[in-house]
Amino acid sequence: MIQVPEELAQSQAKYNGEAGRAFVAGLPGRAEEFLGRWGLRITGPSMYGVASLVLPVRRDADGTLAALKMQLLDDETEGEPLGLRAWDGAGAVRLLDHDVATGTMLLERLDETRPLSSVADADEAVGIVAGLLARLTAVPAPEGVRTLGSIAAGMAARVPEAAARLGADDAAVLRDCAAAVREVAGEPGDRLLHWDLHFGNVLAGEREPWLAIDPKPLAGDPGFELLPALMDRFEPDRLLRRFDLLAEVVGDRRRAAAWTLGRVLQNGLWDVADGEPALDAGQVALARILLARRV
C-alpha cells in the first residue's frame, strides 16, 4: 500500500477540486495496477510535486531502475509523453513506457537528491539551463501539443478586466507586457518548449550530467522559455547578464524580451484570477528592467 502525501492531497483539492480528490483517492489502486502491469517493485519512499506522485521502482525483467509517475490529465500534462518521445532523451528524461488512458508514465531514473538548484553558483546553473534550452528547442513541436499562438490570443482578451482589478502601477506593467506580446504574436513559433525549465526541474543523471524533467510541452517561440530560470534566485543587478546568456541561445534578443514579458503577463493574469491584489514584486521588477531596455 503506497502512502499519498497530505501535501499532494491538499494541492489537488485546491487546484482541481472534486477531480483532484478523486485522483488522490485512486492513487493506491492505480499504483498497484501499473506495478503489476509493468512488472515493477518499489525501491524507496514516494516523491511528489504539486500535481504528481512519483514512485522509485525497479523493473523485474532486467533490473532497470525507473520512476513511475502518476498525475491527473489536463491541458498541461497530457502533452508530456508527446514531448518526451520527441526529445528521445536528448536533454530530457527518457520515457520508457506510457499509458494513454491515464497518462501514467514509466521514466528513466535520475538522481532526485541532486537537482540543479543544489549548484551553489547561480550563474553556472543558468549556463546549464542555457545548454539544455538550446537542445530542447532545436526540436520541432509534434502534432497535438498546445500552441503559444492560442495562449497569447487568450491572454490578450483578458488584459482589460485584469488591469481594472489592479493598482495603477501594476496595471501599467500588465498593459506594457501585453503591448510587447502584440508585437510578436503574429509569429508565435513552432519549436518544442518545455515551458517550466527552472532549476528544480533539472536533475543529475548517469547518462548525461543534467536532464530536464516534468515538461508541460508547448509549440512556440523559445523566448517563452526564459522566465523560470531568470526568476530562480532572482537578483535584479544580475538579470541582464542572465537574460543575455539565455537569449543568445534563442537568437533574437528583442523577441526573447517580448516573450519573457509574455510570461510575466501570463503569471499576472493567473494571479489576478486567483484573487491576488497585486502582481508578483520580483516579476514586476524584471518586467520593468526589460521594458526599460526595449525603449
C-alpha atoms as a PDB file:
ATOM      1  CA  MET A   1       0.000   0.000   0.000  1.00  0.00           C
ATOM      2  CA  ILE A   2       1.555   3.331  -1.024  1.00  0.00           C
ATOM      3  CA  GLN A   3       1.357   6.472   1.059  1.00  0.00           C
ATOM      4  CA  VAL A   4      -0.103   9.574  -0.564  1.00  0.00           C
ATOM      5  CA  PRO A   5       1.484  12.690   0.964  1.00  0.00           C
ATOM      6  CA  GLU A   6      -1.005  15.044   2.566  1.00  0.00           C
ATOM      7  CA  GLU A   7       0.590  17.980   0.718  1.00  0.00           C
ATOM      8  CA  LEU A   8      -0.299  16.373  -2.621  1.00  0.00           C
ATOM      9  CA  ALA A   9      -3.857  15.734  -1.461  1.00  0.00           C
ATOM     10  CA  GLN A  10      -4.199  19.364  -0.391  1.00  0.00           C
ATOM     11  CA  SER A  11      -2.807  20.788  -3.632  1.00  0.00           C
ATOM     12  CA  GLN A  12      -5.062  18.561  -5.725  1.00  0.00           C
ATOM     13  CA  ALA A  13      -8.116  19.600  -3.734  1.00  0.00           C
ATOM     14  CA  LYS A  14      -7.134  23.275  -4.008  1.00  0.00           C
ATOM     15  CA  TYR A  15      -6.417  23.374  -7.735  1.00  0.00           C
ATOM     16  CA  ASN A  16      -8.607  20.590  -9.148  1.00  0.00           C
ATOM     17  CA  GLY A  17     -11.499  20.266  -6.714  1.00  0.00           C
ATOM     18  CA  GLU A  18     -13.516  17.075  -6.935  1.00  0.00           C
ATOM     19  CA  ALA A  19     -11.431  15.752  -9.824  1.00  0.00           C
ATOM     20  CA  GLY A  20      -8.290  16.208  -7.731  1.00  0.00           C
ATOM     21  CA  ARG A  21      -9.791  14.459  -4.734  1.00  0.00           C
ATOM     22  CA  ALA A  22     -10.881  11.553  -6.940  1.00  0.00           C
ATOM     23  CA  PHE A  23      -7.383  11.348  -8.431  1.00  0.00           C
ATOM     24  CA  VAL A  24      -5.789  11.161  -4.971  1.00  0.00           C
ATOM     25  CA  ALA A  25      -8.289   8.560  -3.777  1.00  0.00           C
ATOM     26  CA  GLY A  26      -7.498   6.403  -6.809  1.00  0.00           C
ATOM     27  CA  LEU A  27      -3.702   6.563  -6.497  1.00  0.00           C
ATOM     28  CA  PRO A  28      -3.204   3.371  -4.415  1.00  0.00           C
ATOM     29  CA  GLY A  29      -5.228   1.345  -6.913  1.00  0.00           C
ATOM     30  CA  ARG A  30      -3.508   2.928  -9.886  1.00  0.00           C
ATOM     31  CA  ALA A  31      -0.085   2.231  -8.405  1.00  0.00           C
ATOM     32  CA  GLU A  32      -0.988  -1.406  -7.772  1.00  0.00           C
ATOM     33  CA  GLU A  33      -2.266  -1.750 -11.345  1.00  0.00           C
ATOM     34  CA  PHE A  34       0.867  -0.416 -13.022  1.00  0.00           C
ATOM     35  CA  LEU A  35       3.316  -2.085 -10.674  1.00  0.00           C
ATOM     36  CA  GLY A  36       1.749  -5.337 -11.790  1.00  0.00           C
ATOM     37  CA  ARG A  37       1.256  -4.472 -15.458  1.00  0.00           C
ATOM     38  CA  TRP A  38       4.828  -3.293 -15.992  1.00  0.00           C
ATOM     39  CA  GLY A  39       6.497  -5.731 -13.584  1.00  0.00           C
ATOM     40  CA  LEU A  40       7.824  -3.174 -11.095  1.00  0.00           C
ATOM     41  CA  ARG A  41       8.921  -3.176  -7.454  1.00  0.00           C
ATOM     42  CA  ILE A  42       9.006  -0.061  -5.279  1.00  0.00           C
ATOM     43  CA  THR A  43      12.543   0.710  -4.070  1.00  0.00           C
ATOM     44  CA  GLY A  44      12.043   3.749  -1.840  1.00  0.00           C
ATOM     45  CA  PRO A  45       9.673   6.360  -0.447  1.00  0.00           C
ATOM     46  CA  SER A  46       7.166   8.233  -2.609  1.00  0.00           C
ATOM     47  CA  MET A  47       8.122  11.560  -4.178  1.00  0.00           C
ATOM     48  CA  TYR A  48       5.650  14.218  -5.166  1.00  0.00           C
ATOM     49  CA  GLY A  49       5.097  17.668  -6.594  1.00  0.00           C
ATOM     50  CA  VAL A  50       2.048  19.888  -6.820  1.00  0.00           C
ATOM     51  CA  ALA A  51       0.452  17.682  -9.455  1.00  0.00           C
ATOM     52  CA  SER A  52       2.018  14.209  -9.441  1.00  0.00           C
ATOM     53  CA  LEU A  53       3.095  11.248  -7.352  1.00  0.00           C
ATOM     54  CA  VAL A  54       6.338   9.513  -8.358  1.00  0.00           C
ATOM     55  CA  LEU A  55       7.420   6.086  -7.093  1.00  0.00           C
ATOM     56  CA  PRO A  56      11.047   4.947  -7.385  1.00  0.00           C
ATOM     57  CA  VAL A  57      10.918   1.452  -8.867  1.00  0.00           C
ATOM     58  CA  ARG A  58      12.989  -1.394 -10.269  1.00  0.00           C
ATOM     59  CA  ARG A  59      11.854  -3.383 -13.307  1.00  0.00           C
ATOM     60  CA  ASP A  60      11.756  -7.119 -12.509  1.00  0.00           C
ATOM     61  CA  ALA A  61      12.575  -8.210 -16.060  1.00  0.00           C
ATOM     62  CA  ASP A  62      16.010  -6.576 -16.289  1.00  0.00           C
ATOM     63  CA  GLY A  63      16.668  -4.753 -13.013  1.00  0.00           C
ATOM     64  CA  THR A  64      16.368  -1.318 -14.625  1.00  0.00           C
ATOM     65  CA  LEU A  65      15.862   1.498 -12.121  1.00  0.00           C
ATOM     66  CA  ALA A  66      12.991   3.762 -13.145  1.00  0.00           C
ATOM     67  CA  ALA A  67      10.345   6.155 -11.854  1.00  0.00           C
ATOM     68  CA  LEU A  68       6.592   5.543 -12.030  1.00  0.00           C
ATOM     69  CA  LYS A  69       4.842   8.892 -12.469  1.00  0.00           C
ATOM     70  CA  MET A  70       1.093   9.278 -11.918  1.00  0.00           C
ATOM     71  CA  GLN A  71      -0.707  12.566 -12.464  1.00  0.00           C
ATOM     72  CA  LEU A  72      -4.112  13.987 -13.302  1.00  0.00           C
ATOM     73  CA  LEU A  73      -4.560  14.516 -17.021  1.00  0.00           C
ATOM     74  CA  ASP A  74      -5.211  18.125 -18.029  1.00  0.00           C
ATOM     75  CA  ASP A  75      -4.256  20.570 -20.796  1.00  0.00           C
ATOM     76  CA  GLU A  76      -0.714  20.889 -19.451  1.00  0.00           C
ATOM     77  CA  THR A  77       0.108  17.290 -18.541  1.00  0.00           C
ATOM     78  CA  GLU A  78      -1.431  15.397 -21.458  1.00  0.00           C
ATOM     79  CA  GLY A  79       1.319  16.594 -23.814  1.00  0.00           C
ATOM     80  CA  GLU A  80       4.181  15.384 -21.610  1.00  0.00           C
ATOM     81  CA  PRO A  81       4.665  11.965 -23.271  1.00  0.00           C
ATOM     82  CA  LEU A  82       4.484  13.576 -26.730  1.00  0.00           C
ATOM     83  CA  GLY A  83       7.289  15.948 -25.805  1.00  0.00           C
ATOM     84  CA  LEU A  84       9.423  13.291 -24.147  1.00  0.00           C
ATOM     85  CA  ARG A  85       9.118  11.000 -27.158  1.00  0.00           C
ATOM     86  CA  ALA A  86      10.090  13.824 -29.493  1.00  0.00           C
ATOM     87  CA  TRP A  87      13.203  14.619 -27.437  1.00  0.00           C
ATOM     88  CA  ASP A  88      14.010  10.904 -27.029  1.00  0.00           C
ATOM     89  CA  GLY A  89      16.365  11.552 -24.139  1.00  0.00           C
ATOM     90  CA  ALA A  90      18.304  14.391 -25.778  1.00  0.00           C
ATOM     91  CA  GLY A  91      18.457  16.851 -22.881  1.00  0.00           C
ATOM     92  CA  ALA A  92      15.386  15.424 -21.157  1.00  0.00           C
ATOM     93  CA  VAL A  93      14.480  12.389 -19.096  1.00  0.00           C
ATOM     94  CA  ARG A  94      13.722   9.362 -21.267  1.00  0.00           C
ATOM     95  CA  LEU A  95      10.194   7.908 -21.473  1.00  0.00           C
ATOM     96  CA  LEU A  96      10.245   4.114 -21.049  1.00  0.00           C
ATOM     97  CA  ASP A  97       6.520   3.337 -21.152  1.00  0.00           C
ATOM     98  CA  HIS A  98       3.211   5.195 -21.164  1.00  0.00           C
ATOM     99  CA  ASP A  99      -0.493   4.512 -20.638  1.00  0.00           C
ATOM    100  CA  VAL A 100      -2.605   6.795 -22.816  1.00  0.00           C
ATOM    101  CA  ALA A 101      -5.843   6.411 -20.854  1.00  0.00           C
ATOM    102  CA  THR A 102      -4.456   7.553 -17.502  1.00  0.00           C
ATOM    103  CA  GLY A 103      -1.312   9.447 -18.512  1.00  0.00           C
ATOM    104  CA  THR A 104       0.767   7.177 -16.254  1.00  0.00           C
ATOM    105  CA  MET A 105       4.422   7.095 -17.313  1.00  0.00           C
ATOM    106  CA  LEU A 106       7.468   4.974 -16.625  1.00  0.00           C
ATOM    107  CA  LEU A 107      10.515   7.218 -16.762  1.00  0.00           C
ATOM    108  CA  GLU A 108      14.253   6.878 -16.691  1.00  0.00           C
ATOM    109  CA  ARG A 109      15.524   7.124 -13.098  1.00  0.00           C
ATOM    110  CA  LEU A 110      17.527  10.240 -12.337  1.00  0.00           C
ATOM    111  CA  ASP A 111      19.107  11.398  -9.072  1.00  0.00           C
ATOM    112  CA  GLU A 112      16.328  13.221  -7.244  1.00  0.00           C
ATOM    113  CA  THR A 113      18.794  14.168  -4.493  1.00  0.00           C
ATOM    114  CA  ARG A 114      20.775  16.342  -6.946  1.00  0.00           C
ATOM    115  CA  PRO A 115      18.558  18.974  -8.581  1.00  0.00           C
ATOM    116  CA  LEU A 116      20.212  21.847 -10.402  1.00  0.00           C
ATOM    117  CA  SER A 117      19.085  24.055  -7.509  1.00  0.00           C
ATOM    118  CA  SER A 118      21.844  22.365  -5.459  1.00  0.00           C
ATOM    119  CA  VAL A 119      24.510  24.078  -7.578  1.00  0.00           C
ATOM    120  CA  ALA A 120      25.801  26.935  -5.449  1.00  0.00           C
ATOM    121  CA  ASP A 121      26.736  29.287  -8.306  1.00  0.00           C
ATOM    122  CA  ALA A 122      23.501  30.627  -9.823  1.00  0.00           C
ATOM    123  CA  ASP A 123      25.290  31.832 -12.966  1.00  0.00           C
ATOM    124  CA  GLU A 124      26.690  28.337 -13.501  1.00  0.00           C
ATOM    125  CA  ALA A 125      23.191  26.903 -13.105  1.00  0.00           C
ATOM    126  CA  VAL A 126      21.779  29.386 -15.637  1.00  0.00           C
ATOM    127  CA  GLY A 127      24.534  28.338 -18.054  1.00  0.00           C
ATOM    128  CA  ILE A 128      23.443  24.700 -17.694  1.00  0.00           C
ATOM    129  CA  VAL A 129      19.834  25.699 -18.361  1.00  0.00           C
ATOM    130  CA  ALA A 130      21.006  27.588 -21.462  1.00  0.00           C
ATOM    131  CA  GLY A 131      22.698  24.456 -22.783  1.00  0.00           C
ATOM    132  CA  LEU A 132      19.569  22.379 -22.224  1.00  0.00           C
ATOM    133  CA  LEU A 133      17.398  25.106 -23.731  1.00  0.00           C
ATOM    134  CA  ALA A 134      19.436  25.064 -26.931  1.00  0.00           C
ATOM    135  CA  ARG A 135      18.996  21.308 -27.307  1.00  0.00           C
ATOM    136  CA  LEU A 136      15.335  21.100 -26.347  1.00  0.00           C
ATOM    137  CA  THR A 137      14.151  23.952 -28.570  1.00  0.00           C
ATOM    138  CA  ALA A 138      16.089  22.613 -31.573  1.00  0.00           C
ATOM    139  CA  VAL A 139      13.285  20.044 -31.929  1.00  0.00           C
ATOM    140  CA  PRO A 140      10.115  20.973 -33.845  1.00  0.00           C
ATOM    141  CA  ALA A 141       6.937  20.527 -31.833  1.00  0.00           C
ATOM    142  CA  PRO A 142       4.972  17.370 -32.670  1.00  0.00           C
ATOM    143  CA  GLU A 143       1.313  17.436 -33.573  1.00  0.00           C
ATOM    144  CA  GLY A 144      -1.041  17.507 -30.625  1.00  0.00           C
ATOM    145  CA  VAL A 145       0.737  19.810 -28.164  1.00  0.00           C
ATOM    146  CA  ARG A 146      -0.647  23.160 -27.049  1.00  0.00           C
ATOM    147  CA  THR A 147       0.318  26.211 -29.088  1.00  0.00           C
ATOM    148  CA  LEU A 148       1.708  29.527 -27.915  1.00  0.00           C
ATOM    149  CA  GLY A 149      -0.406  31.296 -30.522  1.00  0.00           C
ATOM    150  CA  SER A 150      -3.653  30.215 -28.898  1.00  0.00           C
ATOM    151  CA  ILE A 151      -2.345  31.016 -25.423  1.00  0.00           C
ATOM    152  CA  ALA A 152      -1.263  34.516 -26.492  1.00  0.00           C
ATOM    153  CA  ALA A 153      -4.652  35.228 -28.032  1.00  0.00           C
ATOM    154  CA  GLY A 154      -6.411  34.128 -24.873  1.00  0.00           C
ATOM    155  CA  MET A 155      -4.206  36.336 -22.699  1.00  0.00           C
ATOM    156  CA  ALA A 156      -4.842  39.426 -24.792  1.00  0.00           C
ATOM    157  CA  ALA A 157      -8.587  39.079 -24.316  1.00  0.00           C
ATOM    158  CA  ARG A 158      -8.242  39.006 -20.509  1.00  0.00           C
ATOM    159  CA  VAL A 159      -5.994  42.044 -20.042  1.00  0.00           C
ATOM    160  CA  PRO A 160      -8.607  44.856 -19.756  1.00  0.00           C
ATOM    161  CA  GLU A 161     -10.596  43.152 -16.994  1.00  0.00           C
ATOM    162  CA  ALA A 162      -7.472  42.088 -15.102  1.00  0.00           C
ATOM    163  CA  ALA A 163      -5.871  45.544 -15.294  1.00  0.00           C
ATOM    164  CA  ALA A 164      -9.047  47.099 -13.878  1.00  0.00           C
ATOM    165  CA  ARG A 165      -8.612  44.995 -10.721  1.00  0.00           C
ATOM    166  CA  LEU A 166      -5.021  46.144 -10.046  1.00  0.00           C
ATOM    167  CA  GLY A 167      -3.448  49.312  -8.733  1.00  0.00           C
ATOM    168  CA  ALA A 168      -2.291  51.861 -11.280  1.00  0.00           C
ATOM    169  CA  ASP A 169       1.390  50.839 -11.312  1.00  0.00           C
ATOM    170  CA  ASP A 170       0.748  47.112 -11.664  1.00  0.00           C
ATOM    171  CA  ALA A 171      -1.967  47.729 -14.253  1.00  0.00           C
ATOM    172  CA  ALA A 172       0.511  49.750 -16.314  1.00  0.00           C
ATOM    173  CA  VAL A 173       3.052  46.902 -16.185  1.00  0.00           C
ATOM    174  CA  LEU A 174       0.396  44.403 -17.249  1.00  0.00           C
ATOM    175  CA  ARG A 175      -0.629  46.578 -20.211  1.00  0.00           C
ATOM    176  CA  ASP A 176       3.003  47.159 -21.228  1.00  0.00           C
ATOM    177  CA  CYS A 177       3.633  43.414 -21.187  1.00  0.00           C
ATOM    178  CA  ALA A 178       0.551  42.882 -23.341  1.00  0.00           C
ATOM    179  CA  ALA A 179       1.771  45.526 -25.790  1.00  0.00           C
ATOM    180  CA  ALA A 180       5.136  43.756 -26.088  1.00  0.00           C
ATOM    181  CA  VAL A 181       3.407  40.461 -26.823  1.00  0.00           C
ATOM    182  CA  ARG A 182       1.277  42.084 -29.543  1.00  0.00           C
ATOM    183  CA  GLU A 183       4.485  42.932 -31.419  1.00  0.00           C
ATOM    184  CA  VAL A 184       5.440  39.241 -31.764  1.00  0.00           C
ATOM    185  CA  ALA A 185       2.114  37.410 -31.514  1.00  0.00           C
ATOM    186  CA  GLY A 186       1.842  37.081 -35.294  1.00  0.00           C
ATOM    187  CA  GLU A 187       4.832  34.705 -35.265  1.00  0.00           C
ATOM    188  CA  PRO A 188       4.373  32.512 -32.198  1.00  0.00           C
ATOM    189  CA  GLY A 189       6.906  29.886 -33.340  1.00  0.00           C
ATOM    190  CA  ASP A 190       6.889  26.136 -33.783  1.00  0.00           C
ATOM    191  CA  ARG A 191       9.684  24.822 -31.521  1.00  0.00           C
ATOM    192  CA  LEU A 192       9.058  22.248 -28.813  1.00  0.00           C
ATOM    193  CA  LEU A 193       9.115  24.121 -25.499  1.00  0.00           C
ATOM    194  CA  HIS A 194       9.474  22.646 -22.015  1.00  0.00           C
ATOM    195  CA  TRP A 195       7.577  25.642 -20.523  1.00  0.00           C
ATOM    196  CA  ASP A 196       8.776  25.127 -16.919  1.00  0.00           C
ATOM    197  CA  LEU A 197      12.564  24.937 -17.216  1.00  0.00           C
ATOM    198  CA  HIS A 198      13.671  26.100 -13.764  1.00  0.00           C
ATOM    199  CA  PHE A 199      16.457  24.777 -11.532  1.00  0.00           C
ATOM    200  CA  GLY A 200      14.167  22.366  -9.691  1.00  0.00           C
ATOM    201  CA  ASN A 201      13.116  20.698 -12.950  1.00  0.00           C
ATOM    202  CA  VAL A 202      16.650  19.700 -13.899  1.00  0.00           C
ATOM    203  CA  LEU A 203      18.163  16.612 -12.239  1.00  0.00           C
ATOM    204  CA  ALA A 204      21.562  14.960 -12.374  1.00  0.00           C
ATOM    205  CA  GLY A 205      21.734  11.710 -14.290  1.00  0.00           C
ATOM    206  CA  GLU A 206      24.150   8.925 -15.205  1.00  0.00           C
ATOM    207  CA  ARG A 207      23.552   9.014 -18.952  1.00  0.00           C
ATOM    208  CA  GLU A 208      24.087  12.772 -19.072  1.00  0.00           C
ATOM    209  CA  PRO A 209      25.216  15.190 -16.331  1.00  0.00           C
ATOM    210  CA  TRP A 210      21.909  17.087 -16.290  1.00  0.00           C
ATOM    211  CA  LEU A 211      18.495  16.312 -17.749  1.00  0.00           C
ATOM    212  CA  ALA A 212      15.188  18.197 -17.751  1.00  0.00           C
ATOM    213  CA  ILE A 213      12.110  16.668 -16.134  1.00  0.00           C
ATOM    214  CA  ASP A 214       8.418  17.486 -15.780  1.00  0.00           C
ATOM    215  CA  PRO A 215       7.816  19.347 -19.052  1.00  0.00           C
ATOM    216  CA  LYS A 216       4.491  20.952 -19.938  1.00  0.00           C
ATOM    217  CA  PRO A 217       5.107  20.870 -23.710  1.00  0.00           C
ATOM    218  CA  LEU A 218       4.132  23.780 -25.889  1.00  0.00           C
ATOM    219  CA  ALA A 219       4.696  24.666 -29.541  1.00  0.00           C
ATOM    220  CA  GLY A 220       6.125  28.147 -29.742  1.00  0.00           C
ATOM    221  CA  ASP A 221       8.963  30.642 -29.670  1.00  0.00           C
ATOM    222  CA  PRO A 222      11.961  29.671 -27.468  1.00  0.00           C
ATOM    223  CA  GLY A 223      11.874  33.145 -25.899  1.00  0.00           C
ATOM    224  CA  PHE A 224       8.827  31.995 -23.925  1.00  0.00           C
ATOM    225  CA  GLU A 225      11.136  29.611 -22.002  1.00  0.00           C
ATOM    226  CA  LEU A 226      13.387  32.115 -20.245  1.00  0.00           C
ATOM    227  CA  LEU A 227      11.405  33.435 -17.278  1.00  0.00           C
ATOM    228  CA  PRO A 228      11.578  30.424 -14.907  1.00  0.00           C
ATOM    229  CA  ALA A 229      15.399  30.375 -14.939  1.00  0.00           C
ATOM    230  CA  LEU A 230      15.570  34.169 -14.673  1.00  0.00           C
ATOM    231  CA  MET A 231      13.431  34.110 -11.536  1.00  0.00           C
ATOM    232  CA  ASP A 232      15.442  31.369  -9.793  1.00  0.00           C
ATOM    233  CA  ARG A 233      17.422  33.191  -7.060  1.00  0.00           C
ATOM    234  CA  PHE A 234      16.359  36.442  -8.688  1.00  0.00           C
ATOM    235  CA  GLU A 235      18.855  39.297  -8.398  1.00  0.00           C
ATOM    236  CA  PRO A 236      17.914  42.495 -10.271  1.00  0.00           C
ATOM    237  CA  ASP A 237      21.553  43.533 -10.664  1.00  0.00           C
ATOM    238  CA  ARG A 238      22.402  40.292 -12.456  1.00  0.00           C
ATOM    239  CA  LEU A 239      19.242  39.994 -14.519  1.00  0.00           C
ATOM    240  CA  LEU A 240      20.502  41.389 -17.808  1.00  0.00           C
ATOM    241  CA  ARG A 241      23.629  39.245 -17.689  1.00  0.00           C
ATOM    242  CA  ARG A 242      21.477  36.144 -17.198  1.00  0.00           C
ATOM    243  CA  PHE A 243      18.978  37.264 -19.802  1.00  0.00           C
ATOM    244  CA  ASP A 244      21.711  37.815 -22.409  1.00  0.00           C
ATOM    245  CA  LEU A 245      23.149  34.349 -21.741  1.00  0.00           C
ATOM    246  CA  LEU A 246      19.787  32.693 -22.274  1.00  0.00           C
ATOM    247  CA  ALA A 247      18.710  34.974 -25.125  1.00  0.00           C
ATOM    248  CA  GLU A 248      21.891  34.158 -27.040  1.00  0.00           C
ATOM    249  CA  VAL A 249      20.590  30.598 -27.335  1.00  0.00           C
ATOM    250  CA  VAL A 250      17.285  31.684 -28.893  1.00  0.00           C
ATOM    251  CA  GLY A 251      18.910  34.233 -31.197  1.00  0.00           C
ATOM    252  CA  ASP A 252      16.704  37.321 -31.294  1.00  0.00           C
ATOM    253  CA  ARG A 253      17.017  39.275 -28.036  1.00  0.00           C
ATOM    254  CA  ARG A 254      14.117  41.606 -28.778  1.00  0.00           C
ATOM    255  CA  ARG A 255      11.746  38.696 -29.412  1.00  0.00           C
ATOM    256  CA  ALA A 256      13.104  36.926 -26.355  1.00  0.00           C
ATOM    257  CA  ALA A 257      12.378  40.018 -24.246  1.00  0.00           C
ATOM    258  CA  ALA A 258       8.858  40.295 -25.651  1.00  0.00           C
ATOM    259  CA  TRP A 259       8.025  36.658 -24.959  1.00  0.00           C
ATOM    260  CA  THR A 260       9.602  36.863 -21.479  1.00  0.00           C
ATOM    261  CA  LEU A 261       7.251  39.757 -20.799  1.00  0.00           C
ATOM    262  CA  GLY A 262       4.550  37.456 -22.118  1.00  0.00           C
ATOM    263  CA  ARG A 263       5.338  35.022 -19.321  1.00  0.00           C
ATOM    264  CA  VAL A 264       5.070  37.843 -16.778  1.00  0.00           C
ATOM    265  CA  LEU A 265       1.702  38.638 -18.353  1.00  0.00           C
ATOM    266  CA  GLN A 266       0.573  35.017 -18.131  1.00  0.00           C
ATOM    267  CA  ASN A 267       1.545  34.751 -14.467  1.00  0.00           C
ATOM    268  CA  GLY A 268      -0.021  38.107 -13.690  1.00  0.00           C
ATOM    269  CA  LEU A 269      -3.331  37.118 -15.240  1.00  0.00           C
ATOM    270  CA  TRP A 270      -3.310  33.913 -13.197  1.00  0.00           C
ATOM    271  CA  ASP A 271      -2.583  35.882 -10.016  1.00  0.00           C
ATOM    272  CA  VAL A 272      -5.498  38.247 -10.661  1.00  0.00           C
ATOM    273  CA  ALA A 273      -7.799  35.310 -11.415  1.00  0.00           C
ATOM    274  CA  ASP A 274      -6.769  33.774  -8.082  1.00  0.00           C
ATOM    275  CA  GLY A 275      -7.769  36.955  -6.282  1.00  0.00           C
ATOM    276  CA  GLU A 276      -4.298  38.371  -5.633  1.00  0.00           C
ATOM    277  CA  PRO A 277      -4.433  42.155  -5.093  1.00  0.00           C
ATOM    278  CA  ALA A 278      -1.065  42.811  -6.772  1.00  0.00           C
ATOM    279  CA  LEU A 279       1.397  41.280  -9.214  1.00  0.00           C
ATOM    280  CA  ASP A 280       4.462  39.388  -8.007  1.00  0.00           C
ATOM    281  CA  ALA A 281       7.012  42.018  -6.971  1.00  0.00           C
ATOM    282  CA  GLY A 282      10.003  40.163  -8.397  1.00  0.00           C
ATOM    283  CA  GLN A 283       8.366  39.691 -11.775  1.00  0.00           C
ATOM    284  CA  VAL A 284       7.296  43.334 -11.829  1.00  0.00           C
ATOM    285  CA  ALA A 285      10.934  44.321 -11.218  1.00  0.00           C
ATOM    286  CA  LEU A 286      12.086  42.015 -14.011  1.00  0.00           C
ATOM    287  CA  ALA A 287       9.458  43.399 -16.400  1.00  0.00           C
ATOM    288  CA  ARG A 288      10.474  46.988 -15.711  1.00  0.00           C
ATOM    289  CA  ILE A 289      14.129  46.213 -16.388  1.00  0.00           C
ATOM    290  CA  LEU A 290      13.333  44.534 -19.711  1.00  0.00           C
ATOM    291  CA  LEU A 291      10.830  47.242 -20.705  1.00  0.00           C
ATOM    292  CA  ALA A 292      13.400  49.955 -19.989  1.00  0.00           C
ATOM    293  CA  ARG A 293      15.954  48.211 -22.185  1.00  0.00           C
ATOM    294  CA  ARG A 294      13.462  47.968 -25.047  1.00  0.00           C
ATOM    295  CA  VAL A 295      12.855  51.737 -25.149  1.00  0.00           C
END
